[in-house]
Amino acid sequence: MAGATVPYMDLGQLGHRERSILALERRGFPGPGAKERAIREELGLAPVRYYQLLNALLDDPRALAADPVTVNRLRRVRETRRTER
């Protein structure tokens, strides 16, 4: 089935919000509340919604193509946390 297309998946570039989420994940934060504050102030999202979007973004092939280092790092973190439960 080589060359088949998936009609429901947009293989275009990431949108502004998705790129902003990945950019935020590349940054370091000095304390536990600093990241949540940045999420609210810079993206206008509640932290819970942010993490829902981030989790979905980690499974998006466009995100992997756009920022493989960040996406692969976050996938490893996610998998480690899942196995610890």
C-alpha atoms as a PDB file:
ATOM      1  CA  MET A   1       0.000   0.000   0.000  1.00  0.00           C
ATOM      2  CA  ALA A   2       2.943   2.288  -0.660  1.00  0.00           C
ATOM      3  CA  GLY A   3       2.041   5.784  -1.717  1.00  0.00           C
ATOM      4  CA  ALA A   4      -1.408   5.651  -0.111  1.00  0.00           C
ATOM      5  CA  THR A   5      -2.684   8.892   1.331  1.00  0.00           C
ATOM      6  CA  VAL A   6      -4.536   9.417   4.555  1.00  0.00           C
ATOM      7  CA  PRO A   7      -7.397  11.775   3.662  1.00  0.00           C
ATOM      8  CA  TYR A   8      -8.146  13.016   7.188  1.00  0.00           C
ATOM      9  CA  MET A   9      -4.567  13.936   8.084  1.00  0.00           C
ATOM     10  CA  ASP A  10      -3.265  17.329   7.038  1.00  0.00           C
ATOM     11  CA  LEU A  11       0.382  16.776   6.229  1.00  0.00           C
ATOM     12  CA  GLY A  12       1.013  20.495   5.813  1.00  0.00           C
ATOM     13  CA  GLN A  13       2.962  22.636   8.212  1.00  0.00           C
ATOM     14  CA  LEU A  14       2.130  23.110  11.844  1.00  0.00           C
ATOM     15  CA  GLY A  15      -0.079  26.008  12.828  1.00  0.00           C
ATOM     16  CA  HIS A  16       1.012  28.930  14.964  1.00  0.00           C
ATOM     17  CA  ARG A  17      -0.322  27.401  18.188  1.00  0.00           C
ATOM     18  CA  GLU A  18       1.452  24.080  17.593  1.00  0.00           C
ATOM     19  CA  ARG A  19       4.743  25.828  16.809  1.00  0.00           C
ATOM     20  CA  SER A  20       4.329  27.966  19.936  1.00  0.00           C
ATOM     21  CA  ILE A  21       3.792  24.878  22.081  1.00  0.00           C
ATOM     22  CA  LEU A  22       6.966  23.263  20.755  1.00  0.00           C
ATOM     23  CA  ALA A  23       8.892  26.510  21.254  1.00  0.00           C
ATOM     24  CA  LEU A  24       7.727  26.696  24.863  1.00  0.00           C
ATOM     25  CA  GLU A  25       8.850  23.107  25.427  1.00  0.00           C
ATOM     26  CA  ARG A  26      12.354  23.947  24.166  1.00  0.00           C
ATOM     27  CA  ARG A  27      12.763  26.553  26.908  1.00  0.00           C
ATOM     28  CA  GLY A  28      13.988  26.020  30.439  1.00  0.00           C
ATOM     29  CA  PHE A  29      12.061  27.368  33.407  1.00  0.00           C
ATOM     30  CA  PRO A  30      13.505  28.362  36.793  1.00  0.00           C
ATOM     31  CA  GLY A  31      10.736  27.006  38.982  1.00  0.00           C
ATOM     32  CA  PRO A  32       7.586  24.908  38.979  1.00  0.00           C
ATOM     33  CA  GLY A  33       5.164  27.807  38.561  1.00  0.00           C
ATOM     34  CA  ALA A  34       7.108  29.644  35.869  1.00  0.00           C
ATOM     35  CA  LYS A  35       6.113  27.300  33.049  1.00  0.00           C
ATOM     36  CA  GLU A  36       2.425  27.384  33.974  1.00  0.00           C
ATOM     37  CA  ARG A  37       2.570  31.176  34.109  1.00  0.00           C
ATOM     38  CA  ALA A  38       4.170  31.287  30.651  1.00  0.00           C
ATOM     39  CA  ILE A  39       1.494  28.933  29.310  1.00  0.00           C
ATOM     40  CA  ARG A  40      -1.254  31.247  30.536  1.00  0.00           C
ATOM     41  CA  GLU A  41       0.388  34.544  29.597  1.00  0.00           C
ATOM     42  CA  GLU A  42       1.982  33.654  26.262  1.00  0.00           C
ATOM     43  CA  LEU A  43      -0.474  31.138  24.860  1.00  0.00           C
ATOM     44  CA  GLY A  44      -3.661  32.115  26.663  1.00  0.00           C
ATOM     45  CA  LEU A  45      -4.331  28.505  27.623  1.00  0.00           C
ATOM     46  CA  ALA A  46      -5.078  26.783  30.883  1.00  0.00           C
ATOM     47  CA  PRO A  47      -2.205  24.422  31.729  1.00  0.00           C
ATOM     48  CA  VAL A  48      -4.509  21.383  31.584  1.00  0.00           C
ATOM     49  CA  ARG A  49      -5.567  22.261  28.025  1.00  0.00           C
ATOM     50  CA  TYR A  50      -1.945  22.973  27.089  1.00  0.00           C
ATOM     51  CA  TYR A  51      -0.854  19.496  28.185  1.00  0.00           C
ATOM     52  CA  GLN A  52      -3.768  17.905  26.313  1.00  0.00           C
ATOM     53  CA  LEU A  53      -2.687  19.693  23.135  1.00  0.00           C
ATOM     54  CA  LEU A  54       0.972  18.842  23.739  1.00  0.00           C
ATOM     55  CA  ASN A  55       0.178  15.163  24.200  1.00  0.00           C
ATOM     56  CA  ALA A  56      -1.737  15.078  20.910  1.00  0.00           C
ATOM     57  CA  LEU A  57       1.046  17.020  19.210  1.00  0.00           C
ATOM     58  CA  LEU A  58       3.604  14.380  20.201  1.00  0.00           C
ATOM     59  CA  ASP A  59       1.721  11.883  18.028  1.00  0.00           C
ATOM     60  CA  ASP A  60       1.508  14.249  15.047  1.00  0.00           C
ATOM     61  CA  PRO A  61       4.004  13.374  12.281  1.00  0.00           C
ATOM     62  CA  ARG A  62       4.171  17.062  11.324  1.00  0.00           C
ATOM     63  CA  ALA A  63       5.519  17.891  14.785  1.00  0.00           C
ATOM     64  CA  LEU A  64       8.160  15.194  14.483  1.00  0.00           C
ATOM     65  CA  ALA A  65       9.206  16.558  11.099  1.00  0.00           C
ATOM     66  CA  ALA A  66       9.271  20.140  12.391  1.00  0.00           C
ATOM     67  CA  ASP A  67      11.206  19.541  15.629  1.00  0.00           C
ATOM     68  CA  PRO A  68      12.460  15.954  15.953  1.00  0.00           C
ATOM     69  CA  VAL A  69      14.766  16.631  18.910  1.00  0.00           C
ATOM     70  CA  THR A  70      12.060  18.154  21.096  1.00  0.00           C
ATOM     71  CA  VAL A  71       9.342  15.708  20.060  1.00  0.00           C
ATOM     72  CA  ASN A  72      11.534  12.640  20.599  1.00  0.00           C
ATOM     73  CA  ARG A  73      12.691  13.942  24.003  1.00  0.00           C
ATOM     74  CA  LEU A  74       9.107  14.541  25.098  1.00  0.00           C
ATOM     75  CA  ARG A  75       8.019  11.145  23.791  1.00  0.00           C
ATOM     76  CA  ARG A  76      10.732   9.509  25.918  1.00  0.00           C
ATOM     77  CA  VAL A  77       9.597  11.460  28.988  1.00  0.00           C
ATOM     78  CA  ARG A  78       5.983  10.488  28.343  1.00  0.00           C
ATOM     79  CA  GLU A  79       6.852   6.819  27.928  1.00  0.00           C
ATOM     80  CA  THR A  80       8.947   6.814  31.109  1.00  0.00           C
ATOM     81  CA  ARG A  81       6.070   8.312  33.071  1.00  0.00           C
ATOM     82  CA  ARG A  82       3.626   5.795  31.640  1.00  0.00           C
ATOM     83  CA  THR A  83       5.805   2.835  32.619  1.00  0.00           C
ATOM     84  CA  GLU A  84       6.251   4.210  36.148  1.00  0.00           C
ATOM     85  CA  ARG A  85       2.495   4.074  36.783  1.00  0.00           C
END
